[in-house]
Amino acid sequence: MAGYLITATDTDAGKTHVATMLVHFLREAGVNAVGFKPVSCGDLADAEGLWEASERVVSLEEICPIALQTPAAPSVAGEIEGVDTSVKRLLEGYHHLASQFEVVIVEGVGGWEVPLTAKESFPDFAKALGLPVVCVTANRLGALNHTILTTKAILREGLDLKGVILNCIEEEQDVATVTNRAQLETFLSTPILGEIIYDAPYLEEGLYEALISPFVKEG
């Protein structure tokens, strides 16, 4: 099994943007990669983005096997709609894709500690999955606190935290967005893999080398 679990400091930090870019550039490099969104809540926009990046090589239902209508945490939406959102169910969807593809890029749900059921939360799924974790941070005011707390929580679970990606969610820069990277490099024990510039259709060299190149066969 190979791939990454893409989590984030919060909702709308840029998980989908990062995950779709990784799938796109892996496939462009000749890697048989696919995206996976185990559960969506509210709409299928994120899953559809992964489906398009995966070049529709499987069905949308395989990309996102649990599609909930309620815009809430899976624990709430699943209870309301009578749908199983357990770790076991999420893993079934992952293994279905992992048996067919070289690399699966798994996009998380909301932030790190999101409840999946009354008894299970997203870290339980992450531990059962066993993939290296990439944490996406929205590069804005508040990123320092959110990133430090989230990365500490991931590491406490004993997971392989590959590193942090700073995602610029606005074109205009301010003091926080300009200085966040240097501050995080000072206070984090995990590396900053790189930044994604606002609306840029490419990965900077450091990100490509860290996340894409390991799966590309030479020659």
C-alpha atoms as a PDB file:
ATOM      1  CA  MET A   1       0.000   0.000   0.000  1.00  0.00           C
ATOM      2  CA  ALA A   2       1.338   3.433  -0.930  1.00  0.00           C
ATOM      3  CA  GLY A   3       0.118   6.997  -0.817  1.00  0.00           C
ATOM      4  CA  TYR A   4      -0.573   9.792   1.618  1.00  0.00           C
ATOM      5  CA  LEU A   5      -3.310  10.796   3.998  1.00  0.00           C
ATOM      6  CA  ILE A   6      -4.005  14.490   3.504  1.00  0.00           C
ATOM      7  CA  THR A   7      -5.358  16.139   6.631  1.00  0.00           C
ATOM      8  CA  ALA A   8      -5.591  19.804   7.631  1.00  0.00           C
ATOM      9  CA  THR A   9      -5.718  22.239  10.486  1.00  0.00           C
ATOM     10  CA  ASP A  10      -9.379  23.012   9.745  1.00  0.00           C
ATOM     11  CA  THR A  11     -12.155  22.919   7.171  1.00  0.00           C
ATOM     12  CA  ASP A  12     -11.368  24.921   4.015  1.00  0.00           C
ATOM     13  CA  ALA A  13      -7.618  24.911   4.643  1.00  0.00           C
ATOM     14  CA  GLY A  14      -6.988  23.382   1.222  1.00  0.00           C
ATOM     15  CA  LYS A  15      -7.034  19.584   1.594  1.00  0.00           C
ATOM     16  CA  THR A  16      -8.874  19.075  -1.682  1.00  0.00           C
ATOM     17  CA  HIS A  17      -6.621  21.484  -3.557  1.00  0.00           C
ATOM     18  CA  VAL A  18      -3.502  19.691  -2.359  1.00  0.00           C
ATOM     19  CA  ALA A  19      -4.923  16.193  -2.845  1.00  0.00           C
ATOM     20  CA  THR A  20      -6.105  16.888  -6.394  1.00  0.00           C
ATOM     21  CA  MET A  21      -2.760  18.425  -7.344  1.00  0.00           C
ATOM     22  CA  LEU A  22      -0.902  15.394  -6.014  1.00  0.00           C
ATOM     23  CA  VAL A  23      -3.134  12.988  -7.940  1.00  0.00           C
ATOM     24  CA  HIS A  24      -2.803  15.077 -11.092  1.00  0.00           C
ATOM     25  CA  PHE A  25       0.987  15.300 -11.016  1.00  0.00           C
ATOM     26  CA  LEU A  26       1.417  11.651 -10.050  1.00  0.00           C
ATOM     27  CA  ARG A  27      -0.680  10.571 -13.029  1.00  0.00           C
ATOM     28  CA  GLU A  28       1.110  13.040 -15.272  1.00  0.00           C
ATOM     29  CA  ALA A  29       4.384  11.421 -14.204  1.00  0.00           C
ATOM     30  CA  GLY A  30       3.072   8.008 -15.228  1.00  0.00           C
ATOM     31  CA  VAL A  31       2.100   6.763 -11.766  1.00  0.00           C
ATOM     32  CA  ASN A  32      -1.148   4.795 -11.573  1.00  0.00           C
ATOM     33  CA  ALA A  33      -2.643   7.009  -8.851  1.00  0.00           C
ATOM     34  CA  VAL A  34      -6.171   7.730  -7.677  1.00  0.00           C
ATOM     35  CA  GLY A  35      -7.836   9.983  -5.137  1.00  0.00           C
ATOM     36  CA  PHE A  36     -10.059   8.766  -2.318  1.00  0.00           C
ATOM     37  CA  LYS A  37     -12.509  10.755  -0.188  1.00  0.00           C
ATOM     38  CA  PRO A  38     -13.883   8.154   2.248  1.00  0.00           C
ATOM     39  CA  VAL A  39     -16.784  10.291   3.439  1.00  0.00           C
ATOM     40  CA  SER A  40     -18.254  13.613   2.342  1.00  0.00           C
ATOM     41  CA  CYS A  41     -20.787  15.699   4.242  1.00  0.00           C
ATOM     42  CA  GLY A  42     -22.971  18.293   2.541  1.00  0.00           C
ATOM     43  CA  ASP A  43     -22.022  17.951  -1.114  1.00  0.00           C
ATOM     44  CA  LEU A  44     -19.736  16.070  -3.466  1.00  0.00           C
ATOM     45  CA  ALA A  45     -17.605  18.986  -4.676  1.00  0.00           C
ATOM     46  CA  ASP A  46     -14.395  17.672  -3.062  1.00  0.00           C
ATOM     47  CA  ALA A  47     -14.972  14.141  -4.307  1.00  0.00           C
ATOM     48  CA  GLU A  48     -15.721  15.404  -7.813  1.00  0.00           C
ATOM     49  CA  GLY A  49     -12.429  17.299  -7.814  1.00  0.00           C
ATOM     50  CA  LEU A  50     -10.563  14.109  -6.929  1.00  0.00           C
ATOM     51  CA  TRP A  51     -12.558  12.193  -9.540  1.00  0.00           C
ATOM     52  CA  GLU A  52     -11.542  14.655 -12.252  1.00  0.00           C
ATOM     53  CA  ALA A  53      -7.898  14.620 -11.125  1.00  0.00           C
ATOM     54  CA  SER A  54      -8.046  10.813 -11.263  1.00  0.00           C
ATOM     55  CA  GLU A  55      -9.213  11.113 -14.884  1.00  0.00           C
ATOM     56  CA  ARG A  56     -12.443   9.284 -13.992  1.00  0.00           C
ATOM     57  CA  VAL A  57     -10.679   5.937 -14.068  1.00  0.00           C
ATOM     58  CA  VAL A  58     -13.208   4.627 -11.535  1.00  0.00           C
ATOM     59  CA  SER A  59     -16.715   5.728 -10.630  1.00  0.00           C
ATOM     60  CA  LEU A  60     -17.462   8.704  -8.400  1.00  0.00           C
ATOM     61  CA  GLU A  61     -19.013   6.266  -5.918  1.00  0.00           C
ATOM     62  CA  GLU A  62     -15.667   4.470  -5.635  1.00  0.00           C
ATOM     63  CA  ILE A  63     -13.859   7.765  -5.082  1.00  0.00           C
ATOM     64  CA  CYS A  64     -16.363   8.664  -2.352  1.00  0.00           C
ATOM     65  CA  PRO A  65     -18.332   5.645  -1.107  1.00  0.00           C
ATOM     66  CA  ILE A  66     -20.077   7.491   1.742  1.00  0.00           C
ATOM     67  CA  ALA A  67     -21.864  10.591   0.456  1.00  0.00           C
ATOM     68  CA  LEU A  68     -23.906  12.293   3.174  1.00  0.00           C
ATOM     69  CA  GLN A  69     -26.264  15.191   2.539  1.00  0.00           C
ATOM     70  CA  THR A  70     -26.048  16.794   5.991  1.00  0.00           C
ATOM     71  CA  PRO A  71     -23.339  19.507   6.303  1.00  0.00           C
ATOM     72  CA  ALA A  72     -22.023  18.342   9.673  1.00  0.00           C
ATOM     73  CA  ALA A  73     -19.443  15.983  11.138  1.00  0.00           C
ATOM     74  CA  PRO A  74     -19.768  12.365   9.931  1.00  0.00           C
ATOM     75  CA  SER A  75     -20.848  11.301  13.429  1.00  0.00           C
ATOM     76  CA  VAL A  76     -23.838  13.654  13.216  1.00  0.00           C
ATOM     77  CA  ALA A  77     -24.617  13.290   9.517  1.00  0.00           C
ATOM     78  CA  GLY A  78     -24.346   9.499   9.673  1.00  0.00           C
ATOM     79  CA  GLU A  79     -26.657   9.322  12.682  1.00  0.00           C
ATOM     80  CA  ILE A  80     -29.246  11.554  11.030  1.00  0.00           C
ATOM     81  CA  GLU A  81     -29.173   9.645   7.739  1.00  0.00           C
ATOM     82  CA  GLY A  82     -28.763   6.160   9.177  1.00  0.00           C
ATOM     83  CA  VAL A  83     -25.447   5.537   7.404  1.00  0.00           C
ATOM     84  CA  ASP A  84     -22.494   3.552   8.752  1.00  0.00           C
ATOM     85  CA  THR A  85     -19.483   5.892   9.034  1.00  0.00           C
ATOM     86  CA  SER A  86     -17.290   3.545  11.055  1.00  0.00           C
ATOM     87  CA  VAL A  87     -13.561   3.101  10.541  1.00  0.00           C
ATOM     88  CA  LYS A  88     -14.260  -0.394   9.216  1.00  0.00           C
ATOM     89  CA  ARG A  89     -16.556   0.985   6.515  1.00  0.00           C
ATOM     90  CA  LEU A  90     -14.067   3.685   5.502  1.00  0.00           C
ATOM     91  CA  LEU A  91     -11.264   1.135   5.260  1.00  0.00           C
ATOM     92  CA  GLU A  92     -13.327  -1.068   2.955  1.00  0.00           C
ATOM     93  CA  GLY A  93     -13.473   1.736   0.398  1.00  0.00           C
ATOM     94  CA  TYR A  94      -9.757   2.378   0.679  1.00  0.00           C
ATOM     95  CA  HIS A  95      -8.746  -1.258   0.230  1.00  0.00           C
ATOM     96  CA  HIS A  96     -11.006  -1.525  -2.797  1.00  0.00           C
ATOM     97  CA  LEU A  97      -8.928   1.180  -4.519  1.00  0.00           C
ATOM     98  CA  ALA A  98      -5.568   0.143  -3.075  1.00  0.00           C
ATOM     99  CA  SER A  99      -5.973  -3.272  -4.702  1.00  0.00           C
ATOM    100  CA  GLN A 100      -6.172  -1.598  -8.132  1.00  0.00           C
ATOM    101  CA  PHE A 101      -3.773   1.361  -7.985  1.00  0.00           C
ATOM    102  CA  GLU A 102      -0.111   1.960  -7.199  1.00  0.00           C
ATOM    103  CA  VAL A 103      -0.814   5.058  -5.105  1.00  0.00           C
ATOM    104  CA  VAL A 104      -3.942   6.251  -3.308  1.00  0.00           C
ATOM    105  CA  ILE A 105      -4.166   9.844  -2.099  1.00  0.00           C
ATOM    106  CA  VAL A 106      -6.658   9.900   0.754  1.00  0.00           C
ATOM    107  CA  GLU A 107      -8.333  13.194   1.620  1.00  0.00           C
ATOM    108  CA  GLY A 108      -9.490  13.594   5.200  1.00  0.00           C
ATOM    109  CA  VAL A 109     -12.634  15.128   6.647  1.00  0.00           C
ATOM    110  CA  GLY A 110     -12.517  18.634   8.112  1.00  0.00           C
ATOM    111  CA  GLY A 111      -9.746  18.956  10.681  1.00  0.00           C
ATOM    112  CA  TRP A 112      -7.814  16.243  12.500  1.00  0.00           C
ATOM    113  CA  GLU A 113     -10.048  15.408  15.462  1.00  0.00           C
ATOM    114  CA  VAL A 114     -13.368  15.147  13.602  1.00  0.00           C
ATOM    115  CA  PRO A 115     -15.696  12.466  15.090  1.00  0.00           C
ATOM    116  CA  LEU A 116     -16.670   9.679  12.701  1.00  0.00           C
ATOM    117  CA  THR A 117     -19.104   7.883  14.993  1.00  0.00           C
ATOM    118  CA  ALA A 118     -20.136   8.120  18.645  1.00  0.00           C
ATOM    119  CA  LYS A 119     -17.064   6.043  19.527  1.00  0.00           C
ATOM    120  CA  GLU A 120     -14.530   6.663  16.758  1.00  0.00           C
ATOM    121  CA  SER A 121     -12.770   9.736  15.411  1.00  0.00           C
ATOM    122  CA  PHE A 122     -10.596  10.518  12.421  1.00  0.00           C
ATOM    123  CA  PRO A 123      -7.313   9.609  14.183  1.00  0.00           C
ATOM    124  CA  ASP A 124      -8.670   6.061  14.604  1.00  0.00           C
ATOM    125  CA  PHE A 125      -9.058   5.824  10.842  1.00  0.00           C
ATOM    126  CA  ALA A 126      -5.608   7.315  10.271  1.00  0.00           C
ATOM    127  CA  LYS A 127      -3.976   4.754  12.562  1.00  0.00           C
ATOM    128  CA  ALA A 128      -5.825   1.866  10.908  1.00  0.00           C
ATOM    129  CA  LEU A 129      -4.871   3.213   7.473  1.00  0.00           C
ATOM    130  CA  GLY A 130      -1.180   3.491   8.281  1.00  0.00           C
ATOM    131  CA  LEU A 131      -0.252   5.900   5.485  1.00  0.00           C
ATOM    132  CA  PRO A 132       2.198   8.799   5.915  1.00  0.00           C
ATOM    133  CA  VAL A 133       0.312  11.951   6.866  1.00  0.00           C
ATOM    134  CA  VAL A 134       0.596  15.346   5.205  1.00  0.00           C
ATOM    135  CA  CYS A 135      -0.899  18.295   7.084  1.00  0.00           C
ATOM    136  CA  VAL A 136      -2.245  21.229   5.073  1.00  0.00           C
ATOM    137  CA  THR A 137      -2.271  24.636   6.752  1.00  0.00           C
ATOM    138  CA  ALA A 138      -4.165  27.636   5.446  1.00  0.00           C
ATOM    139  CA  ASN A 139      -1.507  30.339   5.365  1.00  0.00           C
ATOM    140  CA  ARG A 140      -3.305  33.089   7.288  1.00  0.00           C
ATOM    141  CA  LEU A 141      -3.489  34.692  10.707  1.00  0.00           C
ATOM    142  CA  GLY A 142      -3.967  31.895  13.265  1.00  0.00           C
ATOM    143  CA  ALA A 143      -1.981  29.335  11.300  1.00  0.00           C
ATOM    144  CA  LEU A 144       0.753  29.067  13.929  1.00  0.00           C
ATOM    145  CA  ASN A 145      -1.505  27.935  16.752  1.00  0.00           C
ATOM    146  CA  HIS A 146      -3.599  25.634  14.570  1.00  0.00           C
ATOM    147  CA  THR A 147      -0.571  23.996  12.960  1.00  0.00           C
ATOM    148  CA  ILE A 148       1.376  23.467  16.178  1.00  0.00           C
ATOM    149  CA  LEU A 149      -1.667  21.919  17.903  1.00  0.00           C
ATOM    150  CA  THR A 150      -2.541  19.699  14.947  1.00  0.00           C
ATOM    151  CA  THR A 151       0.958  18.389  14.322  1.00  0.00           C
ATOM    152  CA  LYS A 152       1.432  17.601  18.011  1.00  0.00           C
ATOM    153  CA  ALA A 153      -1.841  15.657  17.978  1.00  0.00           C
ATOM    154  CA  ILE A 154      -0.773  13.661  14.904  1.00  0.00           C
ATOM    155  CA  LEU A 155       2.601  12.811  16.390  1.00  0.00           C
ATOM    156  CA  ARG A 156       1.002  11.727  19.687  1.00  0.00           C
ATOM    157  CA  GLU A 157      -0.792   9.019  17.735  1.00  0.00           C
ATOM    158  CA  GLY A 158       2.572   7.616  16.658  1.00  0.00           C
ATOM    159  CA  LEU A 159       1.918   8.322  12.995  1.00  0.00           C
ATOM    160  CA  ASP A 160       4.449   9.126  10.277  1.00  0.00           C
ATOM    161  CA  LEU A 161       3.929  12.843   9.764  1.00  0.00           C
ATOM    162  CA  LYS A 162       5.634  13.540   6.470  1.00  0.00           C
ATOM    163  CA  GLY A 163       5.397  17.287   6.931  1.00  0.00           C
ATOM    164  CA  VAL A 164       3.344  20.438   6.538  1.00  0.00           C
ATOM    165  CA  ILE A 165       2.226  22.262   3.407  1.00  0.00           C
ATOM    166  CA  LEU A 166       1.377  25.956   3.643  1.00  0.00           C
ATOM    167  CA  ASN A 167      -1.519  26.721   1.329  1.00  0.00           C
ATOM    168  CA  CYS A 168      -2.001  30.367   0.369  1.00  0.00           C
ATOM    169  CA  ILE A 169      -5.775  30.840   0.259  1.00  0.00           C
ATOM    170  CA  GLU A 170      -5.716  34.514  -0.723  1.00  0.00           C
ATOM    171  CA  GLU A 171      -3.676  36.432  -3.259  1.00  0.00           C
ATOM    172  CA  GLU A 172      -2.982  39.386  -0.965  1.00  0.00           C
ATOM    173  CA  GLN A 173      -0.173  38.846   1.544  1.00  0.00           C
ATOM    174  CA  ASP A 174       0.079  40.331   5.049  1.00  0.00           C
ATOM    175  CA  VAL A 175       2.577  40.132   7.914  1.00  0.00           C
ATOM    176  CA  ALA A 176       1.212  36.779   9.119  1.00  0.00           C
ATOM    177  CA  THR A 177       1.276  35.057   5.734  1.00  0.00           C
ATOM    178  CA  VAL A 178       4.787  36.317   4.976  1.00  0.00           C
ATOM    179  CA  THR A 179       6.256  35.235   8.316  1.00  0.00           C
ATOM    180  CA  ASN A 180       4.307  32.038   9.095  1.00  0.00           C
ATOM    181  CA  ARG A 181       6.741  29.693   7.398  1.00  0.00           C
ATOM    182  CA  ALA A 182       9.802  30.943   9.280  1.00  0.00           C
ATOM    183  CA  GLN A 183       7.918  30.836  12.571  1.00  0.00           C
ATOM    184  CA  LEU A 184       6.710  27.287  11.960  1.00  0.00           C
ATOM    185  CA  GLU A 185      10.189  26.143  10.998  1.00  0.00           C
ATOM    186  CA  THR A 186      11.336  27.451  14.379  1.00  0.00           C
ATOM    187  CA  PHE A 187       8.635  25.843  16.510  1.00  0.00           C
ATOM    188  CA  LEU A 188       7.717  22.603  14.706  1.00  0.00           C
ATOM    189  CA  SER A 189       9.566  19.327  15.029  1.00  0.00           C
ATOM    190  CA  THR A 190       8.289  18.271  11.605  1.00  0.00           C
ATOM    191  CA  PRO A 191       9.454  19.795   8.297  1.00  0.00           C
ATOM    192  CA  ILE A 192       7.689  22.351   6.161  1.00  0.00           C
ATOM    193  CA  LEU A 193       7.499  20.549   2.832  1.00  0.00           C
ATOM    194  CA  GLY A 194       6.730  23.707   0.911  1.00  0.00           C
ATOM    195  CA  GLU A 195       4.096  26.234  -0.053  1.00  0.00           C
ATOM    196  CA  ILE A 196       1.348  26.323  -2.629  1.00  0.00           C
ATOM    197  CA  ILE A 197       1.044  29.814  -4.028  1.00  0.00           C
ATOM    198  CA  TYR A 198      -2.451  31.202  -4.462  1.00  0.00           C
ATOM    199  CA  ASP A 199      -4.052  29.932  -7.668  1.00  0.00           C
ATOM    200  CA  ALA A 200      -0.761  28.424  -8.919  1.00  0.00           C
ATOM    201  CA  PRO A 201      -1.259  25.421 -11.236  1.00  0.00           C
ATOM    202  CA  TYR A 202       2.070  23.825 -10.275  1.00  0.00           C
ATOM    203  CA  LEU A 203       3.963  22.384  -7.317  1.00  0.00           C
ATOM    204  CA  GLU A 204       7.161  24.095  -6.259  1.00  0.00           C
ATOM    205  CA  GLU A 205      10.264  21.955  -6.719  1.00  0.00           C
ATOM    206  CA  GLY A 206      10.596  21.036  -3.046  1.00  0.00           C
ATOM    207  CA  LEU A 207       7.033  19.710  -2.873  1.00  0.00           C
ATOM    208  CA  TYR A 208       7.436  17.758  -6.095  1.00  0.00           C
ATOM    209  CA  GLU A 209      10.660  16.148  -4.886  1.00  0.00           C
ATOM    210  CA  ALA A 210       9.189  15.299  -1.488  1.00  0.00           C
ATOM    211  CA  LEU A 211       5.819  13.909  -2.537  1.00  0.00           C
ATOM    212  CA  ILE A 212       5.824  12.978  -6.240  1.00  0.00           C
ATOM    213  CA  SER A 213       9.355  11.885  -7.086  1.00  0.00           C
ATOM    214  CA  PRO A 214       9.476   8.921  -4.631  1.00  0.00           C
ATOM    215  CA  PHE A 215       6.804   7.155  -6.699  1.00  0.00           C
ATOM    216  CA  VAL A 216       8.186   7.933 -10.172  1.00  0.00           C
ATOM    217  CA  LYS A 217      10.103   5.077 -11.777  1.00  0.00           C
ATOM    218  CA  GLU A 218      13.411   6.073 -13.317  1.00  0.00           C
ATOM    219  CA  GLY A 219      13.844   5.553 -17.006  1.00  0.00           C
END
